[in-house]
Amino acid sequence: MSTSPVGAAERSPKPGGAGRGGQPESRLAMVRRARRINRALGEVYYYAHPELDFDNSFELLVATVLSAQTTDLRVNQTTPKLFAAYPTPEDLAAAEPEVLEQLIRPTGFFRNKAKSLIGLSTALRDRFDGTVPGRLEDLVTLPGVGRKTAHVVLGNAFGRPGITVDTHFQRLVHRWQWTRAQDPVKIEAEVAEIFPRKDWTMLSHRVIFHGRRICHARKPACGVCPIAHLCPSFGEGETDPEKARKLLKYEMGGQPGQRLKPPPDYPGRPAPPLGAATAG
């Protein structure tokens, strides 16, 4: 299956937020449009996945905490040495803060992150027998772990559906007029009402993939967007197909992805290790 946005340039986009005669879109129409968007994104991003490298729930939890205020790529380039040094919660709980800080320094805010990692590992050791709990109410009690991080872990390590409201997700659901809420918890709740529970985790991956690759914050690539005909915000970005195509990121733009160890069906190139050349 092709990974290129399909047919956007040949379509004539229509405002998704208006009904017939320019009337406001009904709730039912919005829900139908939202589900069409999800299906279309599923076809384009059939390989959507968490973009953090991990082999178990502990590694995913640690990587997700490190991903705050940095890219998944930088986290993936940092965690191999980290996990080699501290493969278990017990190991990380006993880490010397100064040593840990230097290992995770490339991810930024390394002092606060080191404190959170030691704190959550200590809690896992002392309160959860050294294992990552599989319940939201337990995960959010860990230092540095909020609902967003908890849903990432639950959805991708435990197979328990959840909606991950990161900056990309917030931006796109506002552009698509799925919700007007600004608070992440309210956004999560309102979007959850639109889709069946079983779809929540993959919906999150698809929306985040689209936000990173096409529907960027500053200049969306509207002219090559596969859901342009369903988007009420079409035209906020570059509408010329040729110019828009130059804005595509990662595998869609012919560049490496964010994972050093991507899943087998990933159509792009693996990311390079820290310090390696990325050109080409």
Protein backbone atom coordinates (compact mmCIF):
# COMPACT_ATOMS: atom_id res chain seq x y z
CA MET A 1 0.00 0.00 0.00
CA SER A 2 1.28 3.45 -0.89
CA THR A 3 2.23 5.76 1.98
CA SER A 4 1.69 8.93 -0.05
CA PRO A 5 -1.35 11.11 0.67
CA VAL A 6 -3.93 10.08 -1.89
CA GLY A 7 -6.05 12.20 -4.13
CA ALA A 8 -6.01 15.37 -2.06
CA ALA A 9 -4.91 17.61 -4.91
CA GLU A 10 -7.70 16.42 -7.19
CA ARG A 11 -10.46 16.94 -4.62
CA SER A 12 -12.47 20.07 -4.03
CA PRO A 13 -12.47 20.46 -0.25
CA LYS A 14 -15.68 21.59 1.42
CA PRO A 15 -16.04 23.11 4.86
CA GLY A 16 -16.55 20.22 7.23
CA GLY A 17 -18.00 22.44 9.95
CA ALA A 18 -21.03 23.62 7.98
CA GLY A 19 -24.13 21.72 7.03
CA ARG A 20 -26.51 22.28 4.17
CA GLY A 21 -27.30 25.89 3.44
CA GLY A 22 -24.38 27.02 5.56
CA GLN A 23 -26.11 25.90 8.74
CA PRO A 24 -23.99 24.73 11.68
CA GLU A 25 -22.99 21.09 11.47
CA SER A 26 -25.20 18.83 13.56
CA ARG A 27 -23.75 16.56 16.23
CA LEU A 28 -24.63 13.49 14.16
CA ALA A 29 -22.95 14.92 11.06
CA MET A 30 -19.82 15.76 13.03
CA VAL A 31 -19.62 12.25 14.46
CA ARG A 32 -20.02 10.72 11.00
CA ARG A 33 -17.35 13.02 9.60
CA ALA A 34 -15.00 12.24 12.50
CA ARG A 35 -15.37 8.52 11.92
CA ARG A 36 -14.74 8.96 8.21
CA ILE A 37 -11.55 10.83 9.09
CA ASN A 38 -10.46 7.98 11.34
CA ARG A 39 -11.11 5.40 8.62
CA ALA A 40 -9.24 7.46 6.03
CA LEU A 41 -6.26 7.93 8.34
CA GLY A 42 -6.29 4.19 8.98
CA GLU A 43 -5.77 3.58 5.27
CA VAL A 44 -2.94 6.10 4.97
CA TYR A 45 -1.24 5.22 8.26
CA TYR A 46 -1.92 1.49 8.25
CA TYR A 47 1.45 1.14 9.99
CA ALA A 48 0.70 3.66 12.79
CA HIS A 49 2.44 2.71 16.03
CA PRO A 50 3.95 4.21 19.18
CA GLU A 51 7.08 6.02 18.05
CA LEU A 52 9.11 5.14 21.10
CA ASP A 53 11.43 2.12 21.10
CA PHE A 54 10.63 -0.32 23.91
CA ASP A 55 10.71 -4.03 24.69
CA ASN A 56 8.50 -4.09 27.80
CA SER A 57 6.13 -1.97 29.86
CA PHE A 58 8.90 -0.57 32.07
CA GLU A 59 10.90 0.64 29.08
CA LEU A 60 7.82 2.23 27.56
CA LEU A 61 6.99 3.98 30.83
CA VAL A 62 10.51 5.37 31.17
CA ALA A 63 10.69 6.41 27.51
CA THR A 64 7.33 8.18 27.71
CA VAL A 65 8.42 10.16 30.77
CA LEU A 66 11.61 11.15 28.94
CA SER A 67 9.63 12.26 25.87
CA ALA A 68 8.26 15.36 27.60
CA GLN A 69 9.50 18.55 25.93
CA THR A 70 11.61 16.68 23.37
CA THR A 71 11.21 14.46 20.31
CA ASP A 72 10.64 10.72 20.34
CA LEU A 73 13.70 10.48 18.10
CA ARG A 74 15.95 12.01 20.75
CA VAL A 75 14.49 9.67 23.36
CA ASN A 76 15.06 6.64 21.14
CA GLN A 77 18.64 7.71 20.57
CA THR A 78 19.17 8.03 24.34
CA THR A 79 17.46 4.97 25.82
CA PRO A 80 19.74 2.17 24.53
CA LYS A 81 22.53 3.17 26.93
CA LEU A 82 20.02 3.96 29.65
CA PHE A 83 18.34 0.55 29.52
CA ALA A 84 21.68 -1.21 29.27
CA ALA A 85 22.73 0.46 32.51
CA TYR A 86 19.38 0.17 34.30
CA PRO A 87 17.30 -2.69 32.85
CA THR A 88 14.87 -3.01 35.79
CA PRO A 89 12.99 -0.74 38.21
CA GLU A 90 15.23 -1.99 41.00
CA ASP A 91 18.32 -0.95 39.04
CA LEU A 92 16.97 2.49 38.21
CA ALA A 93 15.74 3.10 41.75
CA ALA A 94 19.33 2.64 42.95
CA ALA A 95 20.86 4.92 40.31
CA GLU A 96 23.18 7.74 41.32
CA PRO A 97 21.36 10.92 40.26
CA GLU A 98 24.44 12.53 38.73
CA VAL A 99 25.20 9.47 36.62
CA LEU A 100 21.59 9.14 35.47
CA GLU A 101 21.40 12.83 34.62
CA GLN A 102 24.32 12.54 32.25
CA LEU A 103 22.82 9.52 30.50
CA ILE A 104 19.51 11.29 29.84
CA ARG A 105 20.97 14.76 29.30
CA PRO A 106 20.19 14.75 25.51
CA THR A 107 16.44 14.68 26.27
CA GLY A 108 16.50 18.01 28.12
CA PHE A 109 15.23 18.89 31.60
CA PHE A 110 17.44 16.03 32.71
CA ARG A 111 17.54 16.88 36.42
CA ASN A 112 13.77 16.86 36.81
CA LYS A 113 13.46 13.77 34.61
CA ALA A 114 16.13 11.94 36.60
CA LYS A 115 14.24 12.71 39.80
CA SER A 116 11.01 11.40 38.28
CA LEU A 117 12.64 8.23 36.95
CA ILE A 118 14.24 7.39 40.28
CA GLY A 119 11.00 8.22 42.06
CA LEU A 120 8.75 6.12 39.83
CA SER A 121 11.22 3.22 39.88
CA THR A 122 11.33 3.36 43.67
CA ALA A 123 7.53 3.30 43.76
CA LEU A 124 7.44 0.34 41.38
CA ARG A 125 9.94 -1.50 43.57
CA ASP A 126 8.31 -0.71 46.90
CA ARG A 127 4.60 -0.59 46.04
CA PHE A 128 4.13 -2.77 42.96
CA ASP A 129 6.65 -5.62 43.41
CA GLY A 130 8.88 -4.22 40.68
CA THR A 131 6.23 -4.38 37.95
CA VAL A 132 4.38 -1.68 36.05
CA PRO A 133 0.73 -1.62 37.13
CA GLY A 134 -1.93 -2.04 34.48
CA ARG A 135 -4.47 0.39 35.94
CA LEU A 136 -4.83 4.09 35.23
CA GLU A 137 -5.48 4.94 38.87
CA ASP A 138 -2.20 3.28 39.88
CA LEU A 139 -0.05 4.66 37.09
CA VAL A 140 -0.98 8.29 37.75
CA THR A 141 0.30 7.96 41.35
CA LEU A 142 3.84 7.46 40.05
CA PRO A 143 6.18 10.50 39.98
CA GLY A 144 6.20 12.17 36.56
CA VAL A 145 3.25 10.14 35.25
CA GLY A 146 0.04 11.87 34.19
CA ARG A 147 -2.97 10.68 32.23
CA LYS A 148 -1.25 11.09 28.86
CA THR A 149 1.70 8.93 29.86
CA ALA A 150 -0.58 6.41 31.55
CA HIS A 151 -2.72 6.00 28.43
CA VAL A 152 0.38 5.47 26.28
CA VAL A 153 1.50 2.66 28.57
CA LEU A 154 -1.95 1.11 28.99
CA GLY A 155 -2.76 1.18 25.28
CA ASN A 156 0.56 -0.06 23.97
CA ALA A 157 1.91 -2.33 26.70
CA PHE A 158 -1.34 -3.71 28.13
CA GLY A 159 -3.77 -3.47 25.21
CA ARG A 160 -6.18 -1.35 27.23
CA PRO A 161 -7.75 1.36 25.04
CA GLY A 162 -7.05 4.99 25.85
CA ILE A 163 -6.89 8.38 24.17
CA THR A 164 -3.52 10.13 24.27
CA VAL A 165 -4.05 13.89 24.26
CA ASP A 166 -0.69 15.37 23.31
CA THR A 167 -0.07 18.68 21.52
CA HIS A 168 -0.61 17.14 18.08
CA PHE A 169 -3.87 15.53 19.13
CA GLN A 170 -5.17 18.76 20.67
CA ARG A 171 -4.29 20.78 17.58
CA LEU A 172 -5.95 18.42 15.13
CA VAL A 173 -9.18 17.76 17.02
CA HIS A 174 -9.63 21.53 17.24
CA ARG A 175 -8.97 21.97 13.52
CA TRP A 176 -11.46 19.22 12.80
CA GLN A 177 -13.97 20.76 15.20
CA TRP A 178 -14.48 17.60 17.21
CA THR A 179 -14.37 19.61 20.43
CA ARG A 180 -13.92 23.17 21.66
CA ALA A 181 -12.56 22.07 25.02
CA GLN A 182 -9.09 23.28 25.98
CA ASP A 183 -8.44 21.13 29.04
CA PRO A 184 -6.81 17.82 28.03
CA VAL A 185 -9.05 15.78 30.34
CA LYS A 186 -12.17 17.35 28.81
CA ILE A 187 -10.79 16.82 25.30
CA GLU A 188 -10.17 13.17 26.13
CA ALA A 189 -13.71 12.74 27.46
CA GLU A 190 -15.42 14.50 24.54
CA VAL A 191 -13.47 12.68 21.84
CA ALA A 192 -14.07 9.38 23.64
CA GLU A 193 -17.82 9.93 23.16
CA ILE A 194 -17.36 10.05 19.37
CA PHE A 195 -15.60 6.72 18.89
CA PRO A 196 -16.03 3.15 20.16
CA ARG A 197 -13.69 2.33 23.01
CA LYS A 198 -11.87 -0.29 20.92
CA ASP A 199 -10.72 2.45 18.52
CA TRP A 200 -9.19 4.82 21.06
CA THR A 201 -5.56 3.70 21.02
CA MET A 202 -5.23 3.44 17.24
CA LEU A 203 -7.15 6.68 16.79
CA SER A 204 -4.52 8.37 18.96
CA HIS A 205 -1.66 6.94 16.89
CA ARG A 206 -3.27 7.96 13.60
CA VAL A 207 -4.04 11.51 14.69
CA ILE A 208 -0.54 11.99 16.11
CA PHE A 209 1.04 10.52 12.96
CA HIS A 210 -0.98 12.93 10.83
CA GLY A 211 -0.01 15.87 13.01
CA ARG A 212 3.68 15.05 12.76
CA ARG A 213 3.73 14.31 9.06
CA ILE A 214 1.15 16.53 7.35
CA CYS A 215 -1.00 18.71 9.62
CA HIS A 216 1.84 20.67 11.20
CA ALA A 217 1.38 23.42 13.76
CA ARG A 218 2.83 26.31 11.77
CA LYS A 219 2.25 25.33 8.16
CA PRO A 220 0.00 22.36 7.43
CA ALA A 221 0.50 20.63 4.09
CA CYS A 222 -3.15 21.08 3.11
CA GLY A 223 -2.50 20.56 -0.59
CA VAL A 224 -1.54 16.90 -0.13
CA CYS A 225 -3.76 16.06 2.80
CA PRO A 226 -5.79 12.86 2.29
CA ILE A 227 -8.67 14.19 4.39
CA ALA A 228 -8.79 17.72 2.98
CA HIS A 229 -12.36 17.17 1.82
CA LEU A 230 -13.40 16.41 5.40
CA CYS A 231 -11.52 19.24 7.10
CA PRO A 232 -13.26 22.49 8.11
CA SER A 233 -9.85 24.14 8.48
CA PHE A 234 -8.62 23.43 4.95
CA GLY A 235 -6.62 26.41 3.74
CA GLU A 236 -4.84 27.22 7.00
CA GLY A 237 -1.72 25.82 5.39
CA GLU A 238 -0.16 25.47 1.94
CA THR A 239 -2.79 24.42 -0.60
CA ASP A 240 -0.57 24.13 -3.67
CA PRO A 241 0.18 20.40 -4.04
CA GLU A 242 3.77 20.81 -5.17
CA LYS A 243 4.65 23.28 -2.42
CA ALA A 244 2.73 21.24 0.15
CA ARG A 245 4.59 18.06 -0.79
CA LYS A 246 7.85 19.72 0.24
CA LEU A 247 6.47 20.11 3.76
CA LEU A 248 5.97 16.38 4.35
CA LYS A 249 7.91 14.89 7.24
CA TYR A 250 9.58 11.57 8.05
CA GLU A 251 8.78 8.63 5.76
CA MET A 252 6.33 10.72 3.72
CA GLY A 253 9.10 13.20 3.02
CA GLY A 254 11.66 10.50 2.26
CA GLN A 255 13.48 10.96 5.56
CA PRO A 256 14.16 8.48 8.40
CA GLY A 257 11.48 7.99 11.01
CA GLN A 258 11.78 8.47 14.75
CA ARG A 259 12.41 4.86 15.81
CA LEU A 260 15.75 3.12 15.67
CA LYS A 261 13.81 -0.17 15.85
CA PRO A 262 10.58 0.38 13.90
CA PRO A 263 7.97 -2.37 13.49
CA PRO A 264 8.27 -4.74 10.50
CA ASP A 265 5.55 -3.03 8.44
CA TYR A 266 7.06 0.45 8.74
CA PRO A 267 7.54 1.70 5.16
CA GLY A 268 10.31 4.19 5.89
CA ARG A 269 13.89 4.05 7.10
CA PRO A 270 14.95 3.53 10.73
CA ALA A 271 16.30 6.55 12.54
CA PRO A 272 20.07 6.76 13.03
CA PRO A 273 21.78 6.39 16.42
CA LEU A 274 22.74 9.50 18.37
CA GLY A 275 25.52 11.38 16.62
CA ALA A 276 25.13 9.61 13.28
CA ALA A 277 24.59 11.53 10.07
CA THR A 278 20.93 11.96 9.09
CA ALA A 279 21.26 13.42 5.60
CA GLY A 280 20.07 11.53 2.57
